[in-house]
C-alpha atoms as a PDB file:
ATOM      1  CA  MET A   1      -0.044   0.293  -0.265  1.00  0.00           C
ATOM      2  CA  SER A   2       2.071   2.996  -1.080  1.00  0.00           C
ATOM      3  CA  SER A   3       1.756   6.184   1.716  1.00  0.00           C
ATOM      4  CA  SER A   4      -0.679   8.432  -0.157  1.00  0.00           C
ATOM      5  CA  SER A   5      -3.243   5.374  -0.646  1.00  0.00           C
ATOM      6  CA  LEU A   6      -2.526   5.306   3.304  1.00  0.00           C
ATOM      7  CA  SER A   7      -3.423   9.065   3.941  1.00  0.00           C
ATOM      8  CA  SER A   8      -6.830   9.292   2.215  1.00  0.00           C
ATOM      9  CA  SER A   9      -7.514   5.189   3.569  1.00  0.00           C
ATOM     10  CA  THR A  10      -6.615   6.910   6.892  1.00  0.00           C
ATOM     11  CA  SER A  11      -8.849  10.741   6.299  1.00  0.00           C
ATOM     12  CA  HIS A  12     -12.240   9.115   5.849  1.00  0.00           C
ATOM     13  CA  THR A  13     -12.315   6.953   8.940  1.00  0.00           C
ATOM     14  CA  ALA A  14     -11.865   8.742  12.131  1.00  0.00           C
ATOM     15  CA  ASN A  15      -9.212  11.320  11.074  1.00  0.00           C
ATOM     16  CA  PRO A  16     -10.741  14.572   9.182  1.00  0.00           C
ATOM     17  CA  PRO A  17      -8.723  15.671   6.537  1.00  0.00           C
ATOM     18  CA  GLU A  18      -6.635  18.838   9.379  1.00  0.00           C
ATOM     19  CA  ALA A  19      -5.675  16.049  11.892  1.00  0.00           C
ATOM     20  CA  THR A  20      -4.062  13.878   9.660  1.00  0.00           C
ATOM     21  CA  THR A  21      -0.945  12.804  12.285  1.00  0.00           C
ATOM     22  CA  ILE A  22       2.319  12.856  10.813  1.00  0.00           C
ATOM     23  CA  PRO A  23       4.723   9.959  11.239  1.00  0.00           C
ATOM     24  CA  PRO A  24       8.232  10.965  13.164  1.00  0.00           C
ATOM     25  CA  LEU A  25      10.770  12.852  11.149  1.00  0.00           C
ATOM     26  CA  SER A  26      14.399  10.623  11.049  1.00  0.00           C
ATOM     27  CA  VAL A  27      17.018  11.828   8.710  1.00  0.00           C
ATOM     28  CA  ALA A  28      17.489   8.592   7.489  1.00  0.00           C
ATOM     29  CA  ALA A  29      14.463   8.584   6.265  1.00  0.00           C
ATOM     30  CA  LEU A  30      14.899  12.190   5.131  1.00  0.00           C
ATOM     31  CA  LEU A  31      17.185  11.441   3.200  1.00  0.00           C
ATOM     32  CA  ASP A  32      16.352   7.627   1.635  1.00  0.00           C
ATOM     33  CA  GLU A  33      12.920  10.127   0.384  1.00  0.00           C
ATOM     34  CA  HIS A  34      15.121  12.911  -1.408  1.00  0.00           C
ATOM     35  CA  ALA A  35      17.577  10.052  -3.335  1.00  0.00           C
ATOM     36  CA  ALA A  36      17.157  10.462  -6.539  1.00  0.00           C
ATOM     37  CA  ALA A  37      17.758  15.072  -5.801  1.00  0.00           C
ATOM     38  CA  PRO A  38      21.137  16.002  -7.149  1.00  0.00           C
ATOM     39  CA  ASP A  39      21.338  17.351  -3.404  1.00  0.00           C
ATOM     40  CA  PRO A  40      20.020  14.621  -1.801  1.00  0.00           C
ATOM     41  CA  PRO A  41      20.934  16.793   1.876  1.00  0.00           C
ATOM     42  CA  GLN A  42      19.424  20.141   0.842  1.00  0.00           C
ATOM     43  CA  ALA A  43      16.171  18.808  -0.385  1.00  0.00           C
ATOM     44  CA  ALA A  44      16.125  16.163   2.793  1.00  0.00           C
ATOM     45  CA  LEU A  45      16.760  20.185   5.026  1.00  0.00           C
ATOM     46  CA  ASP A  46      14.466  22.055   2.648  1.00  0.00           C
ATOM     47  CA  GLN A  47      11.546  19.602   2.758  1.00  0.00           C
ATOM     48  CA  ALA A  48      12.451  19.725   7.099  1.00  0.00           C
ATOM     49  CA  VAL A  49      12.767  23.570   7.217  1.00  0.00           C
ATOM     50  CA  ALA A  50       9.508  23.713   5.016  1.00  0.00           C
ATOM     51  CA  GLU A  51       7.500  21.067   8.291  1.00  0.00           C
ATOM     52  CA  ARG A  52       8.265  22.946  10.418  1.00  0.00           C
ATOM     53  CA  VAL A  53       7.402  26.709   9.095  1.00  0.00           C
ATOM     54  CA  GLY A  54       3.899  24.910   8.465  1.00  0.00           C
ATOM     55  CA  LEU A  55       3.826  22.487  11.543  1.00  0.00           C
ATOM     56  CA  HIS A  56       5.391  26.546  13.370  1.00  0.00           C
ATOM     57  CA  ALA A  57       2.437  28.408  11.126  1.00  0.00           C
ATOM     58  CA  LYS A  58      -0.464  25.626  12.927  1.00  0.00           C
ATOM     59  CA  ASN A  59       0.506  26.290  15.899  1.00  0.00           C
ATOM     60  CA  GLU A  60       0.599  29.669  16.164  1.00  0.00           C
ATOM     61  CA  GLN A  61      -2.912  30.095  14.547  1.00  0.00           C
ATOM     62  CA  LEU A  62      -3.501  27.944  16.966  1.00  0.00           C
ATOM     63  CA  TRP A  63      -2.440  29.392  20.385  1.00  0.00           C
ATOM     64  CA  ARG A  64      -4.031  32.836  18.832  1.00  0.00           C
ATOM     65  CA  LEU A  65      -7.810  31.101  18.598  1.00  0.00           C
ATOM     66  CA  ILE A  66      -7.082  29.467  22.159  1.00  0.00           C
ATOM     67  CA  GLU A  67      -5.889  33.137  23.087  1.00  0.00           C
ATOM     68  CA  ARG A  68      -9.573  34.826  22.028  1.00  0.00           C
ATOM     69  CA  GLN A  69     -11.319  31.261  23.546  1.00  0.00           C
ATOM     70  CA  ARG A  70      -9.639  32.291  26.754  1.00  0.00           C
ATOM     71  CA  ALA A  71     -10.554  35.580  26.210  1.00  0.00           C
ATOM     72  CA  GLY A  72     -14.147  34.941  25.724  1.00  0.00           C
ATOM     73  CA  TYR A  73     -14.084  32.805  28.712  1.00  0.00           C
ATOM     74  CA  SER A  74     -13.094  35.453  30.792  1.00  0.00           C
ATOM     75  CA  GLN A  75     -15.298  38.043  29.638  1.00  0.00           C
ATOM     76  CA  LEU A  76     -18.249  35.643  30.298  1.00  0.00           C
ATOM     77  CA  LEU A  77     -17.057  34.017  33.443  1.00  0.00           C
ATOM     78  CA  GLN A  78     -17.261  37.887  34.939  1.00  0.00           C
ATOM     79  CA  GLU A  79     -21.056  38.075  32.812  1.00  0.00           C
ATOM     80  CA  LEU A  80     -22.151  35.340  35.519  1.00  0.00           C
ATOM     81  CA  GLU A  81     -20.150  37.300  38.601  1.00  0.00           C
ATOM     82  CA  ARG A  82     -22.649  40.848  37.932  1.00  0.00           C
ATOM     83  CA  ALA A  83     -26.051  38.395  37.071  1.00  0.00           C
ATOM     84  CA  ARG A  84     -25.554  36.501  39.776  1.00  0.00           C
ATOM     85  CA  ALA A  85     -24.421  40.274  41.775  1.00  0.00           C
ATOM     86  CA  GLU A  86     -27.775  41.910  40.830  1.00  0.00           C
ATOM     87  CA  ARG A  87     -29.899  38.615  40.843  1.00  0.00           C
ATOM     88  CA  ASP A  88     -29.214  38.493  44.517  1.00  0.00           C
ATOM     89  CA  ALA A  89     -29.363  42.325  44.699  1.00  0.00           C
ATOM     90  CA  TYR A  90     -32.660  41.704  43.506  1.00  0.00           C
ATOM     91  CA  LYS A  91     -33.256  39.115  45.869  1.00  0.00           C
ATOM     92  CA  GLU A  92     -32.641  40.674  49.034  1.00  0.00           C
ATOM     93  CA  ARG A  93     -34.628  43.557  47.338  1.00  0.00           C
ATOM     94  CA  LEU A  94     -37.215  41.392  47.404  1.00  0.00           C
ATOM     95  CA  LYS A  95     -37.031  40.183  51.768  1.00  0.00           C
ATOM     96  CA  MET A  96     -37.571  43.025  51.721  1.00  0.00           C
ATOM     97  CA  THR A  97     -39.732  43.739  50.591  1.00  0.00           C
ATOM     98  CA  VAL A  98     -42.020  41.458  51.837  1.00  0.00           C
ATOM     99  CA  ARG A  99     -41.018  42.349  55.022  1.00  0.00           C
ATOM    100  CA  SER A 100     -41.830  45.225  55.334  1.00  0.00           C
ATOM    101  CA  LEU A 101     -46.118  44.077  53.925  1.00  0.00           C
ATOM    102  CA  SER A 102     -46.296  41.776  56.023  1.00  0.00           C
ATOM    103  CA  PRO A 103     -44.180  41.535  59.722  1.00  0.00           C
ATOM    104  CA  ASP A 104     -43.761  38.654  61.875  1.00  0.00           C
ATOM    105  CA  PRO A 105     -46.615  38.164  63.684  1.00  0.00           C
ATOM    106  CA  ARG A 106     -44.823  37.525  67.152  1.00  0.00           C
ATOM    107  CA  ARG A 107     -42.869  41.153  66.452  1.00  0.00           C
ATOM    108  CA  ARG A 108     -46.272  43.155  66.541  1.00  0.00           C
ATOM    109  CA  ALA A 109     -47.287  41.037  68.693  1.00  0.00           C
ATOM    110  CA  ALA A 110     -44.301  41.882  70.946  1.00  0.00           C
ATOM    111  CA  GLU A 111     -45.342  46.024  69.298  1.00  0.00           C
ATOM    112  CA  GLY A 112     -48.561  45.754  70.679  1.00  0.00           C
ATOM    113  CA  SER A 113     -51.092  46.011  67.170  1.00  0.00           C
ATOM    114  CA  PRO A 114     -53.461  43.510  66.685  1.00  0.00           C
ATOM    115  CA  ALA A 115     -52.894  40.936  64.385  1.00  0.00           C
ATOM    116  CA  PRO A 116     -53.668  41.645  60.404  1.00  0.00           C
ATOM    117  CA  GLN A 117     -57.447  39.142  59.883  1.00  0.00           C
ATOM    118  CA  SER A 118     -56.517  37.062  57.542  1.00  0.00           C
ATOM    119  CA  LYS A 119     -59.125  38.573  54.129  1.00  0.00           C
ATOM    120  CA  SER A 120     -59.306  37.392  51.181  1.00  0.00           C
ATOM    121  CA  ARG A 121     -57.660  39.839  48.192  1.00  0.00           C
ATOM    122  CA  TRP A 122     -60.671  39.655  45.958  1.00  0.00           C
ATOM    123  CA  ARG A 123     -64.246  39.737  46.946  1.00  0.00           C
ATOM    124  CA  SER A 124     -67.609  37.386  45.992  1.00  0.00           C
ATOM    125  CA  HIS A 125     -70.065  39.332  44.574  1.00  0.00           C
ATOM    126  CA  SER A 126     -72.031  37.849  48.544  1.00  0.00           C
ATOM    127  CA  GLN A 127     -69.348  39.827  50.264  1.00  0.00           C
ATOM    128  CA  ASP A 128     -69.174  42.663  49.077  1.00  0.00           C
ATOM    129  CA  THR A 129     -71.732  44.946  50.918  1.00  0.00           C
ATOM    130  CA  ARG A 130     -71.843  47.529  48.652  1.00  0.00           C
ATOM    131  CA  ALA A 131     -74.760  48.898  45.746  1.00  0.00           C
ATOM    132  CA  SER A 132     -72.756  47.529  42.518  1.00  0.00           C
ATOM    133  CA  PRO A 133     -72.782  50.421  39.650  1.00  0.00           C
ATOM    134  CA  GLN A 134     -74.770  51.885  38.243  1.00  0.00           C
ATOM    135  CA  PRO A 135     -74.862  53.560  34.779  1.00  0.00           C
ATOM    136  CA  LEU A 136     -73.301  56.869  34.066  1.00  0.00           C
ATOM    137  CA  PRO A 137     -76.180  59.338  32.622  1.00  0.00           C
ATOM    138  CA  HIS A 138     -75.760  61.079  30.036  1.00  0.00           C
ATOM    139  CA  ALA A 139     -77.708  62.560  27.416  1.00  0.00           C
ATOM    140  CA  ALA A 140     -79.949  60.835  24.960  1.00  0.00           C
ATOM    141  CA  GLY A 141     -78.806  59.899  21.805  1.00  0.00           C
ATOM    142  CA  ALA A 142     -75.180  60.450  23.286  1.00  0.00           C
ATOM    143  CA  ASP A 143     -73.685  57.044  21.555  1.00  0.00           C
ATOM    144  CA  SER A 144     -76.281  57.293  18.719  1.00  0.00           C
ATOM    145  CA  HIS A 145     -72.925  57.515  16.980  1.00  0.00           C
ATOM    146  CA  LEU A 146     -71.874  53.743  17.391  1.00  0.00           C
ATOM    147  CA  GLN A 147     -75.540  52.107  15.944  1.00  0.00           C
ATOM    148  CA  PRO A 148     -75.072  51.191  12.566  1.00  0.00           C
ATOM    149  CA  ARG A 149     -76.323  53.927   9.701  1.00  0.00           C
ATOM    150  CA  ARG A 150     -79.532  52.587   8.074  1.00  0.00           C
ATOM    151  CA  ALA A 151     -79.608  53.739   4.672  1.00  0.00           C
END
């Protein structure tokens, strides 16, 4: 099996094309690969330098990506801390509001004020002692503009 068919078969399996592994570099393997070149040591050295430059560029790109991710992560952590502090402040304000609206019955007894009567917030018609509301008096025909016209 040739190296090109080997690399194509491995790239179609588990590894994406960018994640192909590079076999370890050895001087003997490089010299054997460039044996047909006019100057095999120079050709092998050129290939090694080119691979190193390529790997260095990929490494720099990955580190830039890592730094961007770190900056984004730090920003998200700061936003999370701000949101948590805001949430805690609102929780505290809610507790204070609830305390001010419905004080503790033990504290009321200590102050000498009577305990609040339990009243339903919404009254039914049977509990309502007031008279039912009467329509407001208005001039006859005041809402005639609401009636459809007959042709």
